Amino acid sequence: MRSILMALVITPMIALAGDRQSFEGLVADLEAADPETGLSAVQKLAEGGDARAVPLLIAALQRDMKARTGLLMAIIPALGELGDPSAVPILLLALNNRDDHWIAREAAAQALGAIGAPEAVPDLIKAAWMVDTREAAITALAQIADERAVEVLVTALDPAEDAGVREQALAGLIHIGRPAVPALTAVVAEGSGEYPNTAQRALAAYALGKIGDPRAHAALEQAAQDPSAEVRASASKALGRLQ
């Protein structure tokens, strides 16, 4: 009996000691001169999901921004994966650092979206108007689903955008819900003449149907009589959801 009790007490203590040694070892590896060792440490710290890793990774990213240690492109996604809001300020610096390669700025936008940081919305909106970060910024804004992003998300419904971007923007607008209704209603009602913009209007009508706000009823009724079969079908289905 005594041996069983000792095992119950000692085993967790051994596991805890091993965990500490493992974490401390990764911390040492993070500061190693060998880039491969550092990259491996970043990956393992992210996979471990330990909140203690966040300030260490933030400090490592700050070092990389100055000294180019080669870890930046691993640390930024790791901070997004860990999802700690304390990483938002350094990620905003990375997003807005025009001296860095666009891939780093894209990764920063993705990480901010993964964290779901509303304080990042103004900077992400700016990034969404830049060619090299548009897709990642639109996706991040859709994930955060803040009403301040409605205008830029509506523009991303345009058929000229990548299909994945349109899907993300559509999902974001539906998630935002009622605050997006006026902008979506305006899109549904605006198509006429030489530039009917049928694909964007059909998506906007679909979003209005999913949101289910009665304020969209008049615009959808008009769109249900549109010359475009695509717009008519989408508007008619949306009206059915409003009933």
C-alpha atoms as a PDB file:
ATOM      1  CA  MET A   1       0.000   0.000   0.000  1.00  0.00           C
ATOM      2  CA  ARG A   2       2.814   2.383   0.925  1.00  0.00           C
ATOM      3  CA  SER A   3       4.500   1.795  -2.454  1.00  0.00           C
ATOM      4  CA  ILE A   4       1.255   2.594  -4.264  1.00  0.00           C
ATOM      5  CA  LEU A   5       0.830   5.830  -2.319  1.00  0.00           C
ATOM      6  CA  MET A   6       4.436   6.792  -3.008  1.00  0.00           C
ATOM      7  CA  ALA A   7       3.904   6.170  -6.712  1.00  0.00           C
ATOM      8  CA  LEU A   8       0.796   8.342  -6.716  1.00  0.00           C
ATOM      9  CA  VAL A   9       2.766  11.199  -5.162  1.00  0.00           C
ATOM     10  CA  ILE A  10       6.091  10.834  -6.951  1.00  0.00           C
ATOM     11  CA  THR A  11       4.900  10.145 -10.518  1.00  0.00           C
ATOM     12  CA  PRO A  12       3.219  13.559 -11.013  1.00  0.00           C
ATOM     13  CA  MET A  13       6.284  15.245  -9.479  1.00  0.00           C
ATOM     14  CA  ILE A  14       8.575  13.491 -11.957  1.00  0.00           C
ATOM     15  CA  ALA A  15       6.288  14.454 -14.843  1.00  0.00           C
ATOM     16  CA  LEU A  16       6.250  18.084 -13.684  1.00  0.00           C
ATOM     17  CA  ALA A  17      10.032  18.138 -13.393  1.00  0.00           C
ATOM     18  CA  GLY A  18      10.322  16.660 -16.872  1.00  0.00           C
ATOM     19  CA  ASP A  19       7.938  19.287 -18.207  1.00  0.00           C
ATOM     20  CA  ARG A  20      10.005  22.067 -16.657  1.00  0.00           C
ATOM     21  CA  GLN A  21      13.212  20.642 -18.059  1.00  0.00           C
ATOM     22  CA  SER A  22      11.622  20.288 -21.478  1.00  0.00           C
ATOM     23  CA  PHE A  23      10.317  23.861 -21.454  1.00  0.00           C
ATOM     24  CA  GLU A  24      13.605  25.272 -20.182  1.00  0.00           C
ATOM     25  CA  GLY A  25      15.426  23.312 -22.857  1.00  0.00           C
ATOM     26  CA  LEU A  26      13.214  24.817 -25.555  1.00  0.00           C
ATOM     27  CA  VAL A  27      13.844  28.286 -24.133  1.00  0.00           C
ATOM     28  CA  ALA A  28      17.586  27.688 -24.429  1.00  0.00           C
ATOM     29  CA  ASP A  29      17.145  26.364 -27.972  1.00  0.00           C
ATOM     30  CA  LEU A  30      15.137  29.460 -28.887  1.00  0.00           C
ATOM     31  CA  GLU A  31      18.196  31.604 -28.179  1.00  0.00           C
ATOM     32  CA  ALA A  32      20.659  29.240 -29.864  1.00  0.00           C
ATOM     33  CA  ALA A  33      22.916  30.564 -32.604  1.00  0.00           C
ATOM     34  CA  ASP A  34      21.909  27.712 -34.913  1.00  0.00           C
ATOM     35  CA  PRO A  35      18.760  28.787 -36.850  1.00  0.00           C
ATOM     36  CA  GLU A  36      17.524  25.206 -37.268  1.00  0.00           C
ATOM     37  CA  THR A  37      17.595  24.677 -33.504  1.00  0.00           C
ATOM     38  CA  GLY A  38      15.701  27.919 -32.999  1.00  0.00           C
ATOM     39  CA  LEU A  39      13.090  27.035 -35.624  1.00  0.00           C
ATOM     40  CA  SER A  40      12.510  23.650 -34.016  1.00  0.00           C
ATOM     41  CA  ALA A  41      12.076  25.311 -30.615  1.00  0.00           C
ATOM     42  CA  VAL A  42       9.526  27.792 -31.983  1.00  0.00           C
ATOM     43  CA  GLN A  43       7.500  24.982 -33.522  1.00  0.00           C
ATOM     44  CA  LYS A  44       7.521  22.888 -30.344  1.00  0.00           C
ATOM     45  CA  LEU A  45       6.610  25.860 -28.155  1.00  0.00           C
ATOM     46  CA  ALA A  46       3.627  26.601 -30.387  1.00  0.00           C
ATOM     47  CA  GLU A  47       2.529  22.971 -30.443  1.00  0.00           C
ATOM     48  CA  GLY A  48       2.815  22.777 -26.657  1.00  0.00           C
ATOM     49  CA  GLY A  49       0.263  25.563 -26.228  1.00  0.00           C
ATOM     50  CA  ASP A  50       2.014  26.783 -23.081  1.00  0.00           C
ATOM     51  CA  ALA A  51       1.154  30.407 -22.252  1.00  0.00           C
ATOM     52  CA  ARG A  52       4.660  30.839 -20.824  1.00  0.00           C
ATOM     53  CA  ALA A  53       5.957  30.688 -24.384  1.00  0.00           C
ATOM     54  CA  VAL A  54       4.172  33.864 -25.500  1.00  0.00           C
ATOM     55  CA  PRO A  55       6.436  36.523 -23.908  1.00  0.00           C
ATOM     56  CA  LEU A  56       9.495  34.516 -24.956  1.00  0.00           C
ATOM     57  CA  LEU A  57       8.328  34.385 -28.569  1.00  0.00           C
ATOM     58  CA  ILE A  58       7.471  38.089 -28.498  1.00  0.00           C
ATOM     59  CA  ALA A  59      10.986  38.865 -27.260  1.00  0.00           C
ATOM     60  CA  ALA A  60      12.460  36.587 -29.931  1.00  0.00           C
ATOM     61  CA  LEU A  61      10.434  38.368 -32.619  1.00  0.00           C
ATOM     62  CA  GLN A  62      11.671  41.731 -31.357  1.00  0.00           C
ATOM     63  CA  ARG A  63      15.248  40.451 -31.623  1.00  0.00           C
ATOM     64  CA  ASP A  64      14.631  39.139 -35.124  1.00  0.00           C
ATOM     65  CA  MET A  65      13.245  42.471 -36.293  1.00  0.00           C
ATOM     66  CA  LYS A  66      16.550  44.069 -35.310  1.00  0.00           C
ATOM     67  CA  ALA A  67      19.143  41.366 -35.910  1.00  0.00           C
ATOM     68  CA  ARG A  68      17.481  39.067 -38.481  1.00  0.00           C
ATOM     69  CA  THR A  69      17.979  35.794 -36.642  1.00  0.00           C
ATOM     70  CA  GLY A  70      15.956  33.907 -39.248  1.00  0.00           C
ATOM     71  CA  LEU A  71      13.063  33.013 -36.942  1.00  0.00           C
ATOM     72  CA  LEU A  72      10.534  35.682 -37.936  1.00  0.00           C
ATOM     73  CA  MET A  73       8.538  33.528 -40.351  1.00  0.00           C
ATOM     74  CA  ALA A  74       8.180  30.814 -37.708  1.00  0.00           C
ATOM     75  CA  ILE A  75       7.439  33.059 -34.732  1.00  0.00           C
ATOM     76  CA  ILE A  76       4.615  35.071 -36.313  1.00  0.00           C
ATOM     77  CA  PRO A  77       2.414  32.020 -37.113  1.00  0.00           C
ATOM     78  CA  ALA A  78       3.306  30.533 -33.718  1.00  0.00           C
ATOM     79  CA  LEU A  79       1.951  33.612 -31.943  1.00  0.00           C
ATOM     80  CA  GLY A  80      -1.235  33.353 -33.979  1.00  0.00           C
ATOM     81  CA  GLU A  81      -1.555  29.689 -33.077  1.00  0.00           C
ATOM     82  CA  LEU A  82      -1.115  30.409 -29.369  1.00  0.00           C
ATOM     83  CA  GLY A  83      -3.839  33.065 -29.644  1.00  0.00           C
ATOM     84  CA  ASP A  84      -2.699  35.338 -26.828  1.00  0.00           C
ATOM     85  CA  PRO A  85      -3.852  38.987 -27.215  1.00  0.00           C
ATOM     86  CA  SER A  86      -0.602  40.217 -25.661  1.00  0.00           C
ATOM     87  CA  ALA A  87       1.049  39.433 -29.014  1.00  0.00           C
ATOM     88  CA  VAL A  88      -1.148  41.910 -30.913  1.00  0.00           C
ATOM     89  CA  PRO A  89       1.149  44.983 -30.595  1.00  0.00           C
ATOM     90  CA  ILE A  90       4.222  43.203 -31.987  1.00  0.00           C
ATOM     91  CA  LEU A  91       2.126  41.616 -34.743  1.00  0.00           C
ATOM     92  CA  LEU A  92       0.821  45.052 -35.721  1.00  0.00           C
ATOM     93  CA  LEU A  93       4.412  46.236 -35.988  1.00  0.00           C
ATOM     94  CA  ALA A  94       5.137  43.295 -38.280  1.00  0.00           C
ATOM     95  CA  LEU A  95       2.015  43.991 -40.347  1.00  0.00           C
ATOM     96  CA  ASN A  96       2.964  47.629 -40.872  1.00  0.00           C
ATOM     97  CA  ASN A  97       6.687  47.106 -41.437  1.00  0.00           C
ATOM     98  CA  ARG A  98       7.026  47.928 -45.127  1.00  0.00           C
ATOM     99  CA  ASP A  99      10.745  47.119 -44.980  1.00  0.00           C
ATOM    100  CA  ASP A 100       9.959  43.432 -44.471  1.00  0.00           C
ATOM    101  CA  HIS A 101       9.056  40.987 -47.214  1.00  0.00           C
ATOM    102  CA  TRP A 102       5.343  40.907 -48.017  1.00  0.00           C
ATOM    103  CA  ILE A 103       5.149  37.287 -46.822  1.00  0.00           C
ATOM    104  CA  ALA A 104       5.964  38.437 -43.281  1.00  0.00           C
ATOM    105  CA  ARG A 105       3.225  41.076 -43.425  1.00  0.00           C
ATOM    106  CA  GLU A 106       0.806  38.486 -44.794  1.00  0.00           C
ATOM    107  CA  ALA A 107       1.689  36.119 -41.947  1.00  0.00           C
ATOM    108  CA  ALA A 108       1.101  38.917 -39.427  1.00  0.00           C
ATOM    109  CA  ALA A 109      -2.380  39.543 -40.852  1.00  0.00           C
ATOM    110  CA  GLN A 110      -3.167  35.836 -40.614  1.00  0.00           C
ATOM    111  CA  ALA A 111      -1.966  35.706 -37.008  1.00  0.00           C
ATOM    112  CA  LEU A 112      -4.066  38.731 -36.039  1.00  0.00           C
ATOM    113  CA  GLY A 113      -7.114  37.071 -37.569  1.00  0.00           C
ATOM    114  CA  ALA A 114      -6.405  33.851 -35.686  1.00  0.00           C
ATOM    115  CA  ILE A 115      -6.191  35.781 -32.415  1.00  0.00           C
ATOM    116  CA  GLY A 116      -9.391  37.671 -33.285  1.00  0.00           C
ATOM    117  CA  ALA A 117      -8.066  41.073 -32.265  1.00  0.00           C
ATOM    118  CA  PRO A 118     -10.606  43.902 -32.733  1.00  0.00           C
ATOM    119  CA  GLU A 119      -7.906  46.496 -32.020  1.00  0.00           C
ATOM    120  CA  ALA A 120      -6.180  45.353 -35.215  1.00  0.00           C
ATOM    121  CA  VAL A 121      -9.162  46.188 -37.452  1.00  0.00           C
ATOM    122  CA  PRO A 122      -8.033  49.683 -38.594  1.00  0.00           C
ATOM    123  CA  ASP A 123      -4.591  48.394 -39.599  1.00  0.00           C
ATOM    124  CA  LEU A 124      -6.066  45.325 -41.282  1.00  0.00           C
ATOM    125  CA  ILE A 125      -8.421  47.538 -43.286  1.00  0.00           C
ATOM    126  CA  LYS A 126      -5.402  49.498 -44.541  1.00  0.00           C
ATOM    127  CA  ALA A 127      -3.644  46.222 -45.354  1.00  0.00           C
ATOM    128  CA  ALA A 128      -6.728  45.046 -47.241  1.00  0.00           C
ATOM    129  CA  TRP A 129      -6.260  47.890 -49.732  1.00  0.00           C
ATOM    130  CA  MET A 130      -2.695  46.770 -50.492  1.00  0.00           C
ATOM    131  CA  VAL A 131      -2.195  44.165 -53.187  1.00  0.00           C
ATOM    132  CA  ASP A 132       0.393  42.086 -51.346  1.00  0.00           C
ATOM    133  CA  THR A 133      -1.625  41.718 -48.129  1.00  0.00           C
ATOM    134  CA  ARG A 134      -5.214  41.986 -49.389  1.00  0.00           C
ATOM    135  CA  GLU A 135      -6.156  38.314 -49.267  1.00  0.00           C
ATOM    136  CA  ALA A 136      -4.741  37.709 -45.780  1.00  0.00           C
ATOM    137  CA  ALA A 137      -6.210  40.951 -44.429  1.00  0.00           C
ATOM    138  CA  ILE A 138      -9.680  40.236 -45.851  1.00  0.00           C
ATOM    139  CA  THR A 139      -9.590  36.767 -44.300  1.00  0.00           C
ATOM    140  CA  ALA A 140      -8.499  38.208 -40.944  1.00  0.00           C
ATOM    141  CA  LEU A 141     -11.239  40.850 -41.022  1.00  0.00           C
ATOM    142  CA  ALA A 142     -13.805  38.168 -41.813  1.00  0.00           C
ATOM    143  CA  GLN A 143     -12.601  36.143 -38.820  1.00  0.00           C
ATOM    144  CA  ILE A 144     -12.811  39.139 -36.487  1.00  0.00           C
ATOM    145  CA  ALA A 145     -16.222  40.149 -37.932  1.00  0.00           C
ATOM    146  CA  ASP A 146     -16.150  43.766 -36.765  1.00  0.00           C
ATOM    147  CA  GLU A 147     -18.689  46.141 -38.320  1.00  0.00           C
ATOM    148  CA  ARG A 148     -15.932  48.649 -39.145  1.00  0.00           C
ATOM    149  CA  ALA A 149     -14.804  46.230 -41.856  1.00  0.00           C
ATOM    150  CA  VAL A 150     -18.145  46.107 -43.700  1.00  0.00           C
ATOM    151  CA  GLU A 151     -17.134  48.447 -46.522  1.00  0.00           C
ATOM    152  CA  VAL A 152     -13.939  46.627 -47.438  1.00  0.00           C
ATOM    153  CA  LEU A 153     -15.555  43.195 -47.081  1.00  0.00           C
ATOM    154  CA  VAL A 154     -18.320  44.240 -49.477  1.00  0.00           C
ATOM    155  CA  THR A 155     -15.715  45.203 -52.083  1.00  0.00           C
ATOM    156  CA  ALA A 156     -14.220  41.718 -51.723  1.00  0.00           C
ATOM    157  CA  LEU A 157     -17.446  40.169 -53.052  1.00  0.00           C
ATOM    158  CA  ASP A 158     -16.403  41.366 -56.500  1.00  0.00           C
ATOM    159  CA  PRO A 159     -15.922  38.493 -58.993  1.00  0.00           C
ATOM    160  CA  ALA A 160     -12.468  39.856 -59.822  1.00  0.00           C
ATOM    161  CA  GLU A 161     -11.332  38.656 -56.397  1.00  0.00           C
ATOM    162  CA  ASP A 162     -10.024  35.173 -55.716  1.00  0.00           C
ATOM    163  CA  ALA A 163     -12.841  32.712 -54.971  1.00  0.00           C
ATOM    164  CA  GLY A 164     -11.448  32.028 -51.505  1.00  0.00           C
ATOM    165  CA  VAL A 165     -11.397  35.746 -50.702  1.00  0.00           C
ATOM    166  CA  ARG A 166     -15.029  36.119 -51.788  1.00  0.00           C
ATOM    167  CA  GLU A 167     -16.061  33.177 -49.615  1.00  0.00           C
ATOM    168  CA  GLN A 168     -14.270  34.618 -46.592  1.00  0.00           C
ATOM    169  CA  ALA A 169     -15.755  38.079 -47.142  1.00  0.00           C
ATOM    170  CA  LEU A 170     -19.245  36.626 -47.530  1.00  0.00           C
ATOM    171  CA  ALA A 171     -18.910  34.607 -44.317  1.00  0.00           C
ATOM    172  CA  GLY A 172     -17.594  37.670 -42.482  1.00  0.00           C
ATOM    173  CA  LEU A 173     -20.488  39.875 -43.599  1.00  0.00           C
ATOM    174  CA  ILE A 174     -23.035  37.255 -42.573  1.00  0.00           C
ATOM    175  CA  HIS A 175     -21.311  36.959 -39.198  1.00  0.00           C
ATOM    176  CA  ILE A 176     -21.367  40.738 -38.732  1.00  0.00           C
ATOM    177  CA  GLY A 177     -25.103  40.581 -39.383  1.00  0.00           C
ATOM    178  CA  ARG A 178     -27.406  43.580 -39.030  1.00  0.00           C
ATOM    179  CA  PRO A 179     -24.704  46.288 -39.225  1.00  0.00           C
ATOM    180  CA  ALA A 180     -23.837  44.985 -42.703  1.00  0.00           C
ATOM    181  CA  VAL A 181     -27.410  45.245 -44.035  1.00  0.00           C
ATOM    182  CA  PRO A 182     -27.337  48.862 -45.358  1.00  0.00           C
ATOM    183  CA  ALA A 183     -24.151  48.283 -47.367  1.00  0.00           C
ATOM    184  CA  LEU A 184     -25.376  44.939 -48.727  1.00  0.00           C
ATOM    185  CA  THR A 185     -28.761  46.427 -49.619  1.00  0.00           C
ATOM    186  CA  ALA A 186     -27.016  49.224 -51.527  1.00  0.00           C
ATOM    187  CA  VAL A 187     -25.031  46.665 -53.533  1.00  0.00           C
ATOM    188  CA  VAL A 188     -28.162  44.692 -54.422  1.00  0.00           C
ATOM    189  CA  ALA A 189     -29.941  47.846 -55.588  1.00  0.00           C
ATOM    190  CA  GLU A 190     -27.108  49.491 -57.510  1.00  0.00           C
ATOM    191  CA  GLY A 191     -26.631  47.247 -60.554  1.00  0.00           C
ATOM    192  CA  SER A 192     -27.922  48.732 -63.759  1.00  0.00           C
ATOM    193  CA  GLY A 193     -26.891  49.930 -67.183  1.00  0.00           C
ATOM    194  CA  GLU A 194     -23.526  49.015 -68.645  1.00  0.00           C
ATOM    195  CA  TYR A 195     -22.090  47.526 -65.411  1.00  0.00           C
ATOM    196  CA  PRO A 196     -24.784  45.345 -63.810  1.00  0.00           C
ATOM    197  CA  ASN A 197     -22.264  43.660 -61.464  1.00  0.00           C
ATOM    198  CA  THR A 198     -24.466  40.592 -61.266  1.00  0.00           C
ATOM    199  CA  ALA A 199     -22.138  38.233 -59.376  1.00  0.00           C
ATOM    200  CA  GLN A 200     -21.484  40.682 -56.534  1.00  0.00           C
ATOM    201  CA  ARG A 201     -25.171  41.578 -56.286  1.00  0.00           C
ATOM    202  CA  ALA A 202     -26.177  37.913 -56.184  1.00  0.00           C
ATOM    203  CA  LEU A 203     -23.754  37.285 -53.310  1.00  0.00           C
ATOM    204  CA  ALA A 204     -25.021  40.368 -51.475  1.00  0.00           C
ATOM    205  CA  ALA A 205     -28.606  39.132 -51.856  1.00  0.00           C
ATOM    206  CA  TYR A 206     -27.582  35.727 -50.518  1.00  0.00           C
ATOM    207  CA  ALA A 207     -25.959  37.379 -47.486  1.00  0.00           C
ATOM    208  CA  LEU A 208     -29.091  39.431 -46.825  1.00  0.00           C
ATOM    209  CA  GLY A 209     -31.181  36.279 -46.876  1.00  0.00           C
ATOM    210  CA  LYS A 210     -28.872  34.607 -44.369  1.00  0.00           C
ATOM    211  CA  ILE A 211     -28.922  37.650 -42.085  1.00  0.00           C
ATOM    212  CA  GLY A 212     -32.720  37.798 -42.290  1.00  0.00           C
ATOM    213  CA  ASP A 213     -33.209  41.506 -41.617  1.00  0.00           C
ATOM    214  CA  PRO A 214     -36.583  42.850 -42.884  1.00  0.00           C
ATOM    215  CA  ARG A 215     -34.957  46.154 -43.886  1.00  0.00           C
ATOM    216  CA  ALA A 216     -33.675  44.358 -46.982  1.00  0.00           C
ATOM    217  CA  HIS A 217     -37.161  43.383 -48.168  1.00  0.00           C
ATOM    218  CA  ALA A 218     -37.770  46.234 -50.635  1.00  0.00           C
ATOM    219  CA  ALA A 219     -34.366  45.931 -52.312  1.00  0.00           C
ATOM    220  CA  LEU A 220     -34.725  42.164 -52.593  1.00  0.00           C
ATOM    221  CA  GLU A 221     -38.215  42.460 -54.081  1.00  0.00           C
ATOM    222  CA  GLN A 222     -36.861  44.766 -56.754  1.00  0.00           C
ATOM    223  CA  ALA A 223     -33.889  42.473 -57.386  1.00  0.00           C
ATOM    224  CA  ALA A 224     -36.263  39.518 -57.788  1.00  0.00           C
ATOM    225  CA  GLN A 225     -37.391  41.241 -61.021  1.00  0.00           C
ATOM    226  CA  ASP A 226     -33.829  41.897 -62.227  1.00  0.00           C
ATOM    227  CA  PRO A 227     -32.828  41.151 -65.850  1.00  0.00           C
ATOM    228  CA  SER A 228     -30.090  38.843 -64.522  1.00  0.00           C
ATOM    229  CA  ALA A 229     -31.281  35.306 -63.817  1.00  0.00           C
ATOM    230  CA  GLU A 230     -28.496  34.922 -61.236  1.00  0.00           C
ATOM    231  CA  VAL A 231     -29.626  37.987 -59.292  1.00  0.00           C
ATOM    232  CA  ARG A 232     -33.311  37.037 -59.574  1.00  0.00           C
ATOM    233  CA  ALA A 233     -32.692  33.544 -58.217  1.00  0.00           C
ATOM    234  CA  SER A 234     -30.562  34.753 -55.305  1.00  0.00           C
ATOM    235  CA  ALA A 235     -33.000  37.536 -54.390  1.00  0.00           C
ATOM    236  CA  SER A 236     -36.012  35.208 -54.566  1.00  0.00           C
ATOM    237  CA  LYS A 237     -34.356  32.699 -52.240  1.00  0.00           C
ATOM    238  CA  ALA A 238     -33.415  35.499 -49.858  1.00  0.00           C
ATOM    239  CA  LEU A 239     -37.006  36.768 -49.821  1.00  0.00           C
ATOM    240  CA  GLY A 240     -38.152  33.262 -48.939  1.00  0.00           C
ATOM    241  CA  ARG A 241     -35.921  33.366 -45.859  1.00  0.00           C
ATOM    242  CA  LEU A 242     -37.393  36.713 -44.792  1.00  0.00           C
ATOM    243  CA  GLN A 243     -40.959  35.396 -44.756  1.00  0.00           C
END
